[in-house]
Amino acid sequence: MRHNIRKFLLILTICCVFSSCSSSKSSKSQALENTLAREHSPLDAENPPRATISGLKADELLASSRTVQIVVEGYPMEAGWQGFEVVLNDQDPTRFYSSPANFEIPVEKLRKGANLIKVYLVRSWGESLKVPEAFAFVPFFYETKGGLSWVAAKRPIVTLVSPRGIYKGEAAKKILFDFMVQNPEKLPKSYKVHYTLNGKKLELDSGKSYYFYNLVPADYELRVEVVNARGIPLGQEVTRSRSVFKVEE
């Protein structure tokens, strides 16, 4: 009888220890996953992350679809973590998590005349890197070179990165608002950046990220554009950017 009790207690103890170890292992694994989602790679000022586009020359005339290659250096990437996005004109971005990556330019989404492909690096929470080397672009033409290229030496390129898509629950309480202004790195003092969210206008500083707090459930249209000293939009395709997103209960 005593032998059976001792045997039972020994088995119970072993089961408890095993259960505790399994629980600890599971918690540790979960903690590592959460850490991966939160942490980001530090930037090296002397060797910043770099993005390049090959397979397409500036102002080249395309007559059919073309596959370009994007190479990212000095920036660790992984699915669900850090990566980069490719944008054709002002359409929705395509996210990638490895380099090199191939991107086929779909002719059905091109406009006759001037077009633009852009690449930028993003953090795990969707914010873009604000360093010149982390942004690449190639202006090109489709079917005809009628008109001018969208990109000029002193013409700023505006890219609205976030928000996009649907937000609900906790995610809707604090929504990232992120955009970039590139080429040149700094705007002339006479230029300003304005945004319009469903009719509300505000002047912003480029190179910074903002947040929308507790937006009411609705459909939203967000526009960002560069204006001159009198507040008049510059009016080129590359000097403005837009997105639509939705907030749900």
Protein backbone atom coordinates (compact mmCIF):
# COMPACT_ATOMS: atom_id res chain seq x y z
CA MET A 1 0.00 0.00 0.00
CA ARG A 2 2.73 2.45 1.03
CA HIS A 3 4.69 1.41 -2.04
CA ASN A 4 1.73 2.24 -4.28
CA ILE A 5 1.26 5.65 -2.62
CA ARG A 6 4.94 6.48 -3.03
CA LYS A 7 4.76 5.38 -6.65
CA PHE A 8 1.66 7.57 -7.23
CA LEU A 9 3.29 10.62 -5.62
CA LEU A 10 6.44 10.11 -7.69
CA ILE A 11 4.42 9.96 -10.91
CA LEU A 12 2.42 13.05 -9.87
CA THR A 13 5.60 14.98 -9.12
CA ILE A 14 7.13 14.07 -12.47
CA CYS A 15 3.94 15.12 -14.29
CA CYS A 16 3.86 18.47 -12.47
CA VAL A 17 7.51 19.18 -13.25
CA PHE A 18 6.99 18.26 -16.91
CA SER A 19 3.88 20.43 -17.10
CA SER A 20 5.72 23.34 -15.51
CA CYS A 21 8.63 23.00 -17.93
CA SER A 22 6.28 22.79 -20.91
CA SER A 23 4.41 25.87 -19.71
CA SER A 24 7.68 27.74 -19.20
CA LYS A 25 8.89 26.74 -22.66
CA SER A 26 5.62 27.88 -24.21
CA SER A 27 5.76 31.23 -22.42
CA LYS A 28 9.36 31.74 -23.50
CA SER A 29 8.48 30.99 -27.12
CA GLN A 30 5.58 33.45 -27.00
CA ALA A 31 7.81 36.09 -25.45
CA LEU A 32 10.34 35.67 -28.27
CA GLU A 33 7.61 36.05 -30.87
CA ASN A 34 6.35 39.23 -29.24
CA THR A 35 9.87 40.62 -28.99
CA LEU A 36 10.41 39.93 -32.68
CA ALA A 37 7.32 41.99 -33.50
CA ARG A 38 8.40 44.93 -31.35
CA GLU A 39 12.13 45.26 -31.82
CA HIS A 40 13.77 46.77 -34.90
CA SER A 41 17.28 46.81 -36.27
CA PRO A 42 19.34 49.90 -35.37
CA LEU A 43 20.51 52.19 -38.15
CA ASP A 44 24.21 52.60 -38.88
CA ALA A 45 24.78 56.24 -39.85
CA GLU A 46 28.01 55.34 -41.67
CA ASN A 47 26.43 52.43 -43.55
CA PRO A 48 22.66 53.02 -43.74
CA PRO A 49 20.23 50.53 -45.30
CA ARG A 50 20.05 50.90 -49.05
CA ALA A 51 17.43 50.05 -51.69
CA THR A 52 18.09 49.88 -55.42
CA ILE A 53 16.00 49.10 -58.52
CA SER A 54 17.59 47.43 -61.55
CA GLY A 55 16.23 46.33 -64.91
CA LEU A 56 14.66 49.67 -65.81
CA LYS A 57 16.41 52.87 -66.85
CA ALA A 58 15.24 56.37 -65.97
CA ASP A 59 12.82 57.75 -68.59
CA GLU A 60 12.89 54.46 -70.54
CA LEU A 61 9.97 53.81 -72.89
CA LEU A 62 8.11 50.56 -72.20
CA ALA A 63 5.90 48.85 -74.75
CA SER A 64 5.08 45.74 -72.68
CA SER A 65 5.35 44.31 -69.19
CA ARG A 66 8.74 44.43 -67.49
CA THR A 67 10.19 42.62 -64.47
CA VAL A 68 12.51 44.69 -62.31
CA GLN A 69 14.69 43.53 -59.45
CA ILE A 70 14.82 45.21 -56.05
CA VAL A 71 17.90 44.75 -53.89
CA VAL A 72 18.00 45.82 -50.23
CA GLU A 73 21.30 45.90 -48.34
CA GLY A 74 22.05 46.41 -44.66
CA TYR A 75 18.49 45.78 -43.49
CA PRO A 76 17.48 42.43 -41.92
CA MET A 77 14.03 41.29 -43.01
CA GLU A 78 11.57 38.57 -42.11
CA ALA A 79 7.90 37.87 -42.81
CA GLY A 80 5.72 39.73 -40.32
CA TRP A 81 8.66 41.89 -39.29
CA GLN A 82 10.73 44.41 -41.25
CA GLY A 83 10.53 44.56 -45.02
CA PHE A 84 10.10 46.89 -47.98
CA GLU A 85 7.24 48.05 -50.18
CA VAL A 86 7.01 48.63 -53.93
CA VAL A 87 4.58 51.25 -55.24
CA LEU A 88 3.59 51.84 -58.84
CA ASN A 89 2.47 55.45 -59.33
CA ASP A 90 0.14 56.12 -56.36
CA GLN A 91 -1.42 52.68 -56.12
CA ASP A 92 -1.52 50.34 -53.13
CA PRO A 93 1.92 49.01 -52.14
CA THR A 94 3.19 45.44 -52.45
CA ARG A 95 5.13 44.21 -49.38
CA PHE A 96 8.27 42.03 -49.61
CA TYR A 97 10.34 40.42 -46.84
CA SER A 98 13.42 39.17 -48.70
CA SER A 99 16.03 40.47 -51.11
CA PRO A 100 16.61 40.31 -54.00
CA ALA A 101 12.98 40.35 -55.11
CA ASN A 102 11.40 40.49 -58.54
CA PHE A 103 8.46 42.76 -59.29
CA GLU A 104 6.57 42.57 -62.56
CA ILE A 105 5.23 45.90 -63.74
CA PRO A 106 1.65 45.18 -64.87
CA VAL A 107 0.81 47.08 -68.05
CA GLU A 108 -2.90 47.09 -67.17
CA LYS A 109 -2.11 49.42 -64.26
CA LEU A 110 0.06 51.83 -66.25
CA ARG A 111 -0.93 55.16 -67.73
CA LYS A 112 0.04 56.15 -71.24
CA GLY A 113 2.96 58.50 -70.84
CA ALA A 114 4.75 59.16 -67.55
CA ASN A 115 4.83 56.57 -64.75
CA LEU A 116 6.87 56.05 -61.59
CA ILE A 117 7.98 53.04 -59.54
CA LYS A 118 9.09 53.58 -55.93
CA VAL A 119 10.66 51.40 -53.22
CA TYR A 120 11.01 52.21 -49.52
CA LEU A 121 11.90 50.29 -46.36
CA VAL A 122 9.40 49.84 -43.53
CA ARG A 123 9.53 48.86 -39.86
CA SER A 124 7.43 46.07 -38.33
CA TRP A 125 4.69 48.55 -37.37
CA GLY A 126 4.54 50.02 -40.91
CA GLU A 127 6.60 53.20 -40.51
CA SER A 128 9.01 54.06 -43.32
CA LEU A 129 12.72 54.71 -42.81
CA LYS A 130 13.49 58.41 -43.25
CA VAL A 131 16.95 58.09 -44.78
CA PRO A 132 17.64 58.94 -48.44
CA GLU A 133 19.38 55.63 -49.17
CA ALA A 134 16.29 53.67 -48.05
CA PHE A 135 14.22 55.16 -50.87
CA ALA A 136 14.61 54.35 -54.58
CA PHE A 137 12.62 55.39 -57.63
CA VAL A 138 12.68 55.16 -61.42
CA PRO A 139 10.55 57.40 -63.67
CA PHE A 140 9.60 55.80 -66.99
CA PHE A 141 7.16 56.05 -69.90
CA TYR A 142 4.60 53.60 -71.26
CA GLU A 143 3.71 53.47 -74.97
CA THR A 144 4.47 57.15 -75.56
CA LYS A 145 6.85 59.84 -74.37
CA GLY A 146 4.29 62.53 -74.98
CA GLY A 147 4.50 65.14 -72.23
CA LEU A 148 7.15 65.53 -69.56
CA SER A 149 8.55 63.10 -67.03
CA TRP A 150 6.96 63.43 -63.59
CA VAL A 151 10.35 63.71 -61.93
CA ALA A 152 12.54 66.81 -62.13
CA ALA A 153 15.71 67.72 -60.25
CA LYS A 154 13.95 69.95 -57.71
CA ARG A 155 10.50 68.42 -57.76
CA PRO A 156 9.58 66.74 -54.45
CA ILE A 157 8.21 63.19 -54.50
CA VAL A 158 5.46 62.61 -51.93
CA THR A 159 4.68 59.08 -50.75
CA LEU A 160 1.83 58.34 -48.36
CA VAL A 161 2.82 55.17 -46.50
CA SER A 162 0.10 54.74 -43.86
CA PRO A 163 -2.81 54.39 -43.08
CA ARG A 164 -4.30 51.90 -45.53
CA GLY A 165 -6.91 49.19 -45.18
CA ILE A 166 -9.36 48.51 -42.34
CA TYR A 167 -8.85 49.34 -38.64
CA LYS A 168 -11.05 48.11 -35.82
CA GLY A 169 -10.93 47.43 -32.11
CA GLU A 170 -7.67 48.37 -30.37
CA ALA A 171 -5.97 49.01 -33.71
CA ALA A 172 -8.43 51.84 -34.43
CA LYS A 173 -7.60 53.79 -31.27
CA LYS A 174 -4.15 54.83 -32.50
CA ILE A 175 -3.59 54.80 -36.28
CA LEU A 176 -0.17 55.55 -37.74
CA PHE A 177 -0.03 58.44 -40.22
CA ASP A 178 3.26 58.27 -42.08
CA PHE A 179 4.48 59.89 -45.29
CA MET A 180 7.77 60.78 -46.98
CA VAL A 181 8.97 63.69 -49.07
CA GLN A 182 12.03 62.85 -51.16
CA ASN A 183 14.10 64.41 -53.93
CA PRO A 184 15.27 66.85 -52.73
CA GLU A 185 16.05 65.76 -49.16
CA LYS A 186 14.87 69.10 -47.77
CA LEU A 187 12.13 71.25 -49.21
CA PRO A 188 12.76 74.94 -49.88
CA LYS A 189 11.40 77.17 -47.12
CA SER A 190 8.73 78.38 -49.52
CA TYR A 191 7.27 74.87 -49.75
CA LYS A 192 4.95 73.39 -47.12
CA VAL A 193 3.29 70.01 -46.66
CA HIS A 194 -0.50 69.93 -46.22
CA TYR A 195 -2.83 67.06 -45.60
CA THR A 196 -6.59 66.72 -45.90
CA LEU A 197 -8.54 64.07 -43.98
CA ASN A 198 -12.16 64.09 -45.11
CA GLY A 199 -11.98 67.87 -45.53
CA LYS A 200 -9.87 68.74 -42.48
CA LYS A 201 -6.66 70.53 -43.42
CA LEU A 202 -3.43 70.84 -41.44
CA GLU A 203 0.16 71.82 -42.16
CA LEU A 204 2.84 69.28 -41.28
CA ASP A 205 6.58 68.80 -41.21
CA SER A 206 7.95 66.16 -43.55
CA GLY A 207 10.19 63.43 -42.20
CA LYS A 208 7.99 62.86 -39.14
CA SER A 209 5.27 60.38 -38.26
CA TYR A 210 1.95 61.25 -36.68
CA TYR A 211 -1.02 59.39 -35.21
CA PHE A 212 -4.78 59.69 -35.51
CA TYR A 213 -6.41 58.99 -32.15
CA ASN A 214 -9.92 57.57 -31.66
CA LEU A 215 -11.29 58.28 -35.12
CA VAL A 216 -15.02 57.65 -35.36
CA PRO A 217 -16.11 54.63 -37.44
CA ALA A 218 -16.33 55.81 -41.06
CA ASP A 219 -14.71 55.68 -44.49
CA TYR A 220 -11.77 58.07 -44.82
CA GLU A 221 -9.83 59.63 -47.66
CA LEU A 222 -6.42 61.02 -46.82
CA ARG A 223 -4.48 63.33 -49.13
CA VAL A 224 -0.96 64.69 -48.65
CA GLU A 225 0.53 67.30 -50.96
CA VAL A 226 3.24 69.92 -51.23
CA VAL A 227 2.11 73.54 -51.61
CA ASN A 228 3.99 76.75 -52.36
CA ALA A 229 4.38 79.79 -50.11
CA ARG A 230 0.82 80.94 -50.93
CA GLY A 231 -0.66 77.56 -50.07
CA ILE A 232 -1.31 76.60 -53.69
CA PRO A 233 -0.63 72.92 -54.52
CA LEU A 234 2.28 72.33 -56.88
CA GLY A 235 -0.10 70.18 -58.89
CA GLN A 236 2.18 67.48 -60.28
CA GLU A 237 1.44 63.76 -59.94
CA VAL A 238 4.50 63.17 -57.75
CA THR A 239 3.90 66.12 -55.42
CA ARG A 240 0.74 64.58 -53.95
CA SER A 241 -0.34 61.20 -52.65
CA ARG A 242 -3.60 59.71 -51.37
CA SER A 243 -5.01 56.66 -49.63
CA VAL A 244 -8.37 55.40 -48.42
CA PHE A 245 -8.96 53.51 -45.20
CA LYS A 246 -11.85 52.47 -43.00
CA VAL A 247 -12.45 52.54 -39.24
CA GLU A 248 -14.93 50.00 -37.88
CA GLU A 249 -16.47 49.41 -34.45
